[in-house]
Amino acid sequence: MNEIPSPGYYRVFQKLALAIGIVTALLGYSIQNSAVGVAGMVILVHAFVATLVIAVEDRRSPEPPARDDSASETM
């Protein structure tokens, strides 16, 4: 029931959060509205957290096993 989402979902979230965060932060800066700017910064923090999650998961994932051609030769 509680399946771990694939790393692809993390990457999509990361890119989406970066894009929305940058646009929102720039919009808040350009219209001089601190609430919008802070919202953009919060979204950017979430994007950076997603980046850290991706980096940690990539380091923890086991490397694919080396292909052993000798097993196919014996059959």
PDB file of N, CA and C in Angstrom:
ATOM      1  N   MET A   1       0.806  -1.189   0.000  1.00  0.00           N
ATOM      2  CA  MET A   1       0.000   0.000   0.000  1.00  0.00           C
ATOM      3  C   MET A   1       0.855   1.260   0.000  1.00  0.00           C
ATOM      4  N   ASN A   2       1.860   1.301   0.824  1.00  0.00           N
ATOM      5  CA  ASN A   2       2.716   2.482   0.907  1.00  0.00           C
ATOM      6  C   ASN A   2       3.924   2.289   0.012  1.00  0.00           C
ATOM      7  N   GLU A   3       3.740   2.491  -1.257  1.00  0.00           N
ATOM      8  CA  GLU A   3       4.848   2.349  -2.183  1.00  0.00           C
ATOM      9  C   GLU A   3       5.668   3.632  -2.194  1.00  0.00           C
ATOM     10  N   ILE A   4       6.966   3.458  -2.296  1.00  0.00           N
ATOM     11  CA  ILE A   4       7.858   4.607  -2.397  1.00  0.00           C
ATOM     12  C   ILE A   4       7.807   5.103  -3.836  1.00  0.00           C
ATOM     13  N   PRO A   5       7.568   6.387  -4.045  1.00  0.00           N
ATOM     14  CA  PRO A   5       7.505   6.888  -5.416  1.00  0.00           C
ATOM     15  C   PRO A   5       8.861   6.773  -6.096  1.00  0.00           C
ATOM     16  N   SER A   6       8.828   6.607  -7.389  1.00  0.00           N
ATOM     17  CA  SER A   6      10.075   6.474  -8.127  1.00  0.00           C
ATOM     18  C   SER A   6      10.828   7.802  -8.117  1.00  0.00           C
ATOM     19  N   PRO A   7      12.139   7.747  -8.325  1.00  0.00           N
ATOM     20  CA  PRO A   7      12.928   8.984  -8.335  1.00  0.00           C
ATOM     21  C   PRO A   7      12.482   9.971  -9.410  1.00  0.00           C
ATOM     22  N   GLY A   8      11.803   9.477 -10.429  1.00  0.00           N
ATOM     23  CA  GLY A   8      11.306  10.372 -11.465  1.00  0.00           C
ATOM     24  C   GLY A   8      10.342  11.405 -10.919  1.00  0.00           C
ATOM     25  N   TYR A   9       9.525  11.006  -9.927  1.00  0.00           N
ATOM     26  CA  TYR A   9       8.595  11.951  -9.317  1.00  0.00           C
ATOM     27  C   TYR A   9       9.348  13.041  -8.566  1.00  0.00           C
ATOM     28  N   TYR A  10      10.442  12.674  -7.909  1.00  0.00           N
ATOM     29  CA  TYR A  10      11.237  13.680  -7.202  1.00  0.00           C
ATOM     30  C   TYR A  10      11.812  14.692  -8.184  1.00  0.00           C
ATOM     31  N   ARG A  11      12.282  14.201  -9.318  1.00  0.00           N
ATOM     32  CA  ARG A  11      12.884  15.097 -10.295  1.00  0.00           C
ATOM     33  C   ARG A  11      11.845  16.040 -10.905  1.00  0.00           C
ATOM     34  N   VAL A  12      10.647  15.515 -11.169  1.00  0.00           N
ATOM     35  CA  VAL A  12       9.578  16.366 -11.698  1.00  0.00           C
ATOM     36  C   VAL A  12       9.209  17.427 -10.669  1.00  0.00           C
ATOM     37  N   PHE A  13       9.069  17.018  -9.407  1.00  0.00           N
ATOM     38  CA  PHE A  13       8.740  17.971  -8.350  1.00  0.00           C
ATOM     39  C   PHE A  13       9.833  19.020  -8.218  1.00  0.00           C
ATOM     40  N   GLN A  14      11.071  18.589  -8.312  1.00  0.00           N
ATOM     41  CA  GLN A  14      12.187  19.522  -8.170  1.00  0.00           C
ATOM     42  C   GLN A  14      12.149  20.581  -9.264  1.00  0.00           C
ATOM     43  N   LYS A  15      11.991  20.157 -10.498  1.00  0.00           N
ATOM     44  CA  LYS A  15      11.982  21.106 -11.610  1.00  0.00           C
ATOM     45  C   LYS A  15      10.770  22.031 -11.542  1.00  0.00           C
ATOM     46  N   LEU A  16       9.628  21.466 -11.192  1.00  0.00           N
ATOM     47  CA  LEU A  16       8.417  22.270 -11.082  1.00  0.00           C
ATOM     48  C   LEU A  16       8.537  23.285  -9.950  1.00  0.00           C
ATOM     49  N   ALA A  17       9.063  22.855  -8.810  1.00  0.00           N
ATOM     50  CA  ALA A  17       9.220  23.764  -7.673  1.00  0.00           C
ATOM     51  C   ALA A  17      10.239  24.856  -7.982  1.00  0.00           C
ATOM     52  N   LEU A  18      11.311  24.508  -8.672  1.00  0.00           N
ATOM     53  CA  LEU A  18      12.290  25.535  -9.049  1.00  0.00           C
ATOM     54  C   LEU A  18      11.662  26.583  -9.964  1.00  0.00           C
ATOM     55  N   ALA A  19      10.937  26.128 -10.967  1.00  0.00           N
ATOM     56  CA  ALA A  19      10.337  27.068 -11.917  1.00  0.00           C
ATOM     57  C   ALA A  19       9.305  27.961 -11.229  1.00  0.00           C
ATOM     58  N   ILE A  20       8.410  27.355 -10.464  1.00  0.00           N
ATOM     59  CA  ILE A  20       7.373  28.140  -9.791  1.00  0.00           C
ATOM     60  C   ILE A  20       7.989  29.070  -8.747  1.00  0.00           C
ATOM     61  N   GLY A  21       8.988  28.587  -8.020  1.00  0.00           N
ATOM     62  CA  GLY A  21       9.630  29.405  -6.996  1.00  0.00           C
ATOM     63  C   GLY A  21      10.338  30.609  -7.567  1.00  0.00           C
ATOM     64  N   ILE A  22      11.053  30.407  -8.658  1.00  0.00           N
ATOM     65  CA  ILE A  22      11.772  31.523  -9.276  1.00  0.00           C
ATOM     66  C   ILE A  22      10.789  32.557  -9.811  1.00  0.00           C
ATOM     67  N   VAL A  23       9.754  32.083 -10.505  1.00  0.00           N
ATOM     68  CA  VAL A  23       8.763  33.014 -11.061  1.00  0.00           C
ATOM     69  C   VAL A  23       8.056  33.776  -9.946  1.00  0.00           C
ATOM     70  N   THR A  24       7.668  33.072  -8.890  1.00  0.00           N
ATOM     71  CA  THR A  24       6.948  33.725  -7.797  1.00  0.00           C
ATOM     72  C   THR A  24       7.839  34.718  -7.056  1.00  0.00           C
ATOM     73  N   ALA A  25       9.085  34.339  -6.808  1.00  0.00           N
ATOM     74  CA  ALA A  25       9.999  35.250  -6.115  1.00  0.00           C
ATOM     75  C   ALA A  25      10.264  36.500  -6.953  1.00  0.00           C
ATOM     76  N   LEU A  26      10.471  36.321  -8.258  1.00  0.00           N
ATOM     77  CA  LEU A  26      10.689  37.481  -9.127  1.00  0.00           C
ATOM     78  C   LEU A  26       9.439  38.348  -9.232  1.00  0.00           C
ATOM     79  N   LEU A  27       8.276  37.709  -9.265  1.00  0.00           N
ATOM     80  CA  LEU A  27       7.026  38.470  -9.301  1.00  0.00           C
ATOM     81  C   LEU A  27       6.864  39.290  -8.024  1.00  0.00           C
ATOM     82  N   GLY A  28       7.140  38.677  -6.889  1.00  0.00           N
ATOM     83  CA  GLY A  28       7.051  39.404  -5.625  1.00  0.00           C
ATOM     84  C   GLY A  28       8.022  40.556  -5.552  1.00  0.00           C
ATOM     85  N   TYR A  29       9.220  40.351  -6.102  1.00  0.00           N
ATOM     86  CA  TYR A  29      10.212  41.426  -6.111  1.00  0.00           C
ATOM     87  C   TYR A  29       9.783  42.553  -7.048  1.00  0.00           C
ATOM     88  N   SER A  30       9.257  42.180  -8.214  1.00  0.00           N
ATOM     89  CA  SER A  30       8.918  43.207  -9.204  1.00  0.00           C
ATOM     90  C   SER A  30       7.694  44.027  -8.802  1.00  0.00           C
ATOM     91  N   ILE A  31       6.733  43.416  -8.118  1.00  0.00           N
ATOM     92  CA  ILE A  31       5.555  44.186  -7.708  1.00  0.00           C
ATOM     93  C   ILE A  31       5.691  44.708  -6.281  1.00  0.00           C
ATOM     94  N   GLN A  32       6.857  44.512  -5.690  1.00  0.00           N
ATOM     95  CA  GLN A  32       7.156  45.001  -4.340  1.00  0.00           C
ATOM     96  C   GLN A  32       6.154  44.488  -3.304  1.00  0.00           C
ATOM     97  N   ASN A  33       5.841  43.201  -3.421  1.00  0.00           N
ATOM     98  CA  ASN A  33       4.926  42.572  -2.476  1.00  0.00           C
ATOM     99  C   ASN A  33       5.712  41.513  -1.711  1.00  0.00           C
ATOM    100  N   SER A  34       5.977  41.772  -0.448  1.00  0.00           N
ATOM    101  CA  SER A  34       6.826  40.867   0.319  1.00  0.00           C
ATOM    102  C   SER A  34       6.167  39.514   0.546  1.00  0.00           C
ATOM    103  N   ALA A  35       4.849  39.467   0.633  1.00  0.00           N
ATOM    104  CA  ALA A  35       4.168  38.190   0.857  1.00  0.00           C
ATOM    105  C   ALA A  35       4.376  37.249  -0.330  1.00  0.00           C
ATOM    106  N   VAL A  36       4.292  37.784  -1.531  1.00  0.00           N
ATOM    107  CA  VAL A  36       4.504  36.968  -2.728  1.00  0.00           C
ATOM    108  C   VAL A  36       5.970  36.555  -2.817  1.00  0.00           C
ATOM    109  N   GLY A  37       6.867  37.463  -2.503  1.00  0.00           N
ATOM    110  CA  GLY A  37       8.291  37.138  -2.521  1.00  0.00           C
ATOM    111  C   GLY A  37       8.648  36.055  -1.527  1.00  0.00           C
ATOM    112  N   VAL A  38       8.083  36.131  -0.333  1.00  0.00           N
ATOM    113  CA  VAL A  38       8.341  35.109   0.687  1.00  0.00           C
ATOM    114  C   VAL A  38       7.761  33.771   0.250  1.00  0.00           C
ATOM    115  N   ALA A  39       6.595  33.791  -0.368  1.00  0.00           N
ATOM    116  CA  ALA A  39       6.010  32.545  -0.873  1.00  0.00           C
ATOM    117  C   ALA A  39       6.924  31.911  -1.917  1.00  0.00           C
ATOM    118  N   GLY A  40       7.500  32.731  -2.783  1.00  0.00           N
ATOM    119  CA  GLY A  40       8.449  32.219  -3.770  1.00  0.00           C
ATOM    120  C   GLY A  40       9.686  31.630  -3.121  1.00  0.00           C
ATOM    121  N   MET A  41      10.174  32.274  -2.074  1.00  0.00           N
ATOM    122  CA  MET A  41      11.345  31.755  -1.367  1.00  0.00           C
ATOM    123  C   MET A  41      11.035  30.429  -0.671  1.00  0.00           C
ATOM    124  N   VAL A  42       9.835  30.309  -0.117  1.00  0.00           N
ATOM    125  CA  VAL A  42       9.445  29.049   0.529  1.00  0.00           C
ATOM    126  C   VAL A  42       9.388  27.927  -0.500  1.00  0.00           C
ATOM    127  N   ILE A  43       8.856  28.231  -1.672  1.00  0.00           N
ATOM    128  CA  ILE A  43       8.805  27.227  -2.736  1.00  0.00           C
ATOM    129  C   ILE A  43      10.218  26.852  -3.165  1.00  0.00           C
ATOM    130  N   LEU A  44      11.116  27.825  -3.235  1.00  0.00           N
ATOM    131  CA  LEU A  44      12.505  27.524  -3.587  1.00  0.00           C
ATOM    132  C   LEU A  44      13.170  26.640  -2.537  1.00  0.00           C
ATOM    133  N   VAL A  45      12.858  26.854  -1.276  1.00  0.00           N
ATOM    134  CA  VAL A  45      13.399  25.986  -0.223  1.00  0.00           C
ATOM    135  C   VAL A  45      12.921  24.556  -0.440  1.00  0.00           C
ATOM    136  N   HIS A  46      11.657  24.389  -0.804  1.00  0.00           N
ATOM    137  CA  HIS A  46      11.153  23.050  -1.089  1.00  0.00           C
ATOM    138  C   HIS A  46      11.882  22.430  -2.282  1.00  0.00           C
ATOM    139  N   ALA A  47      12.207  23.232  -3.267  1.00  0.00           N
ATOM    140  CA  ALA A  47      12.952  22.728  -4.415  1.00  0.00           C
ATOM    141  C   ALA A  47      14.351  22.280  -3.999  1.00  0.00           C
ATOM    142  N   PHE A  48      14.984  23.022  -3.109  1.00  0.00           N
ATOM    143  CA  PHE A  48      16.312  22.626  -2.650  1.00  0.00           C
ATOM    144  C   PHE A  48      16.251  21.361  -1.796  1.00  0.00           C
ATOM    145  N   VAL A  49      15.188  21.209  -1.019  1.00  0.00           N
ATOM    146  CA  VAL A  49      15.012  19.970  -0.251  1.00  0.00           C
ATOM    147  C   VAL A  49      14.833  18.795  -1.207  1.00  0.00           C
ATOM    148  N   ALA A  50      14.066  18.989  -2.265  1.00  0.00           N
ATOM    149  CA  ALA A  50      13.899  17.931  -3.263  1.00  0.00           C
ATOM    150  C   ALA A  50      15.234  17.596  -3.918  1.00  0.00           C
ATOM    151  N   THR A  51      16.061  18.605  -4.148  1.00  0.00           N
ATOM    152  CA  THR A  51      17.389  18.364  -4.713  1.00  0.00           C
ATOM    153  C   THR A  51      18.233  17.518  -3.768  1.00  0.00           C
ATOM    154  N   LEU A  52      18.164  17.814  -2.476  1.00  0.00           N
ATOM    155  CA  LEU A  52      18.910  17.019  -1.497  1.00  0.00           C
ATOM    156  C   LEU A  52      18.390  15.587  -1.432  1.00  0.00           C
ATOM    157  N   VAL A  53      17.081  15.409  -1.496  1.00  0.00           N
ATOM    158  CA  VAL A  53      16.506  14.062  -1.480  1.00  0.00           C
ATOM    159  C   VAL A  53      16.991  13.268  -2.683  1.00  0.00           C
ATOM    160  N   ILE A  54      17.009  13.891  -3.840  1.00  0.00           N
ATOM    161  CA  ILE A  54      17.479  13.210  -5.047  1.00  0.00           C
ATOM    162  C   ILE A  54      18.949  12.841  -4.907  1.00  0.00           C
ATOM    163  N   ALA A  55      19.759  13.755  -4.402  1.00  0.00           N
ATOM    164  CA  ALA A  55      21.191  13.481  -4.250  1.00  0.00           C
ATOM    165  C   ALA A  55      21.434  12.336  -3.278  1.00  0.00           C
ATOM    166  N   VAL A  56      20.711  12.328  -2.165  1.00  0.00           N
ATOM    167  CA  VAL A  56      20.888  11.260  -1.175  1.00  0.00           C
ATOM    168  C   VAL A  56      20.417   9.927  -1.737  1.00  0.00           C
ATOM    169  N   GLU A  57      19.277   9.916  -2.410  1.00  0.00           N
ATOM    170  CA  GLU A  57      18.760   8.671  -2.975  1.00  0.00           C
ATOM    171  C   GLU A  57      19.682   8.138  -4.062  1.00  0.00           C
ATOM    172  N   ASP A  58      20.272   9.021  -4.861  1.00  0.00           N
ATOM    173  CA  ASP A  58      21.198   8.568  -5.893  1.00  0.00           C
ATOM    174  C   ASP A  58      22.446   7.947  -5.279  1.00  0.00           C
ATOM    175  N   ARG A  59      22.891   8.475  -4.158  1.00  0.00           N
ATOM    176  CA  ARG A  59      24.080   7.919  -3.504  1.00  0.00           C
ATOM    177  C   ARG A  59      23.773   6.607  -2.805  1.00  0.00           C
ATOM    178  N   ARG A  60      22.532   6.451  -2.318  1.00  0.00           N
ATOM    179  CA  ARG A  60      22.165   5.242  -1.590  1.00  0.00           C
ATOM    180  C   ARG A  60      21.793   4.095  -2.517  1.00  0.00           C
ATOM    181  N   SER A  61      21.388   4.402  -3.731  1.00  0.00           N
ATOM    182  CA  SER A  61      20.922   3.346  -4.628  1.00  0.00           C
ATOM    183  C   SER A  61      22.093   2.431  -4.976  1.00  0.00           C
ATOM    184  N   PRO A  62      21.832   1.140  -4.933  1.00  0.00           N
ATOM    185  CA  PRO A  62      22.913   0.198  -5.241  1.00  0.00           C
ATOM    186  C   PRO A  62      23.268   0.269  -6.716  1.00  0.00           C
ATOM    187  N   GLU A  63      24.524   0.038  -6.970  1.00  0.00           N
ATOM    188  CA  GLU A  63      24.960   0.025  -8.356  1.00  0.00           C
ATOM    189  C   GLU A  63      24.448  -1.247  -9.013  1.00  0.00           C
ATOM    190  N   PRO A  64      24.166  -1.182 -10.305  1.00  0.00           N
ATOM    191  CA  PRO A  64      23.698  -2.395 -10.971  1.00  0.00           C
ATOM    192  C   PRO A  64      24.779  -3.469 -10.925  1.00  0.00           C
ATOM    193  N   PRO A  65      24.384  -4.723 -10.749  1.00  0.00           N
ATOM    194  CA  PRO A  65      25.388  -5.782 -10.661  1.00  0.00           C
ATOM    195  C   PRO A  65      26.167  -5.903 -11.964  1.00  0.00           C
ATOM    196  N   ALA A  66      27.415  -6.257 -11.812  1.00  0.00           N
ATOM    197  CA  ALA A  66      28.260  -6.437 -12.987  1.00  0.00           C
ATOM    198  C   ALA A  66      27.755  -7.635 -13.774  1.00  0.00           C
ATOM    199  N   ARG A  67      27.766  -7.508 -15.064  1.00  0.00           N
ATOM    200  CA  ARG A  67      27.274  -8.587 -15.916  1.00  0.00           C
ATOM    201  C   ARG A  67      28.313  -9.692 -15.956  1.00  0.00           C
ATOM    202  N   ASP A  68      27.864 -10.891 -15.651  1.00  0.00           N
ATOM    203  CA  ASP A  68      28.766 -12.039 -15.619  1.00  0.00           C
ATOM    204  C   ASP A  68      28.492 -12.889 -16.850  1.00  0.00           C
ATOM    205  N   ASP A  69      29.405 -12.838 -17.817  1.00  0.00           N
ATOM    206  CA  ASP A  69      29.217 -13.591 -19.057  1.00  0.00           C
ATOM    207  C   ASP A  69      29.493 -15.073 -18.881  1.00  0.00           C
ATOM    208  N   SER A  70      30.194 -15.452 -17.820  1.00  0.00           N
ATOM    209  CA  SER A  70      30.521 -16.864 -17.629  1.00  0.00           C
ATOM    210  C   SER A  70      29.271 -17.689 -17.331  1.00  0.00           C
ATOM    211  N   ALA A  71      28.242 -17.095 -16.741  1.00  0.00           N
ATOM    212  CA  ALA A  71      27.013 -17.831 -16.437  1.00  0.00           C
ATOM    213  C   ALA A  71      26.290 -18.221 -17.718  1.00  0.00           C
ATOM    214  N   SER A  72      26.313 -17.374 -18.720  1.00  0.00           N
ATOM    215  CA  SER A  72      25.628 -17.701 -19.966  1.00  0.00           C
ATOM    216  C   SER A  72      26.414 -18.717 -20.783  1.00  0.00           C
ATOM    217  N   GLU A  73      27.720 -18.795 -20.580  1.00  0.00           N
ATOM    218  CA  GLU A  73      28.534 -19.748 -21.324  1.00  0.00           C
ATOM    219  C   GLU A  73      28.336 -21.169 -20.831  1.00  0.00           C
ATOM    220  N   THR A  74      27.977 -21.353 -19.573  1.00  0.00           N
ATOM    221  CA  THR A  74      27.829 -22.703 -19.034  1.00  0.00           C
ATOM    222  C   THR A  74      26.540 -23.355 -19.492  1.00  0.00           C
ATOM    223  N   MET A  75      25.566 -22.575 -19.937  1.00  0.00           N
ATOM    224  CA  MET A  75      24.296 -23.172 -20.364  1.00  0.00           C
ATOM    225  C   MET A  75      24.354 -23.552 -21.770  1.00  0.00           C
TER     226      MET A  75
END
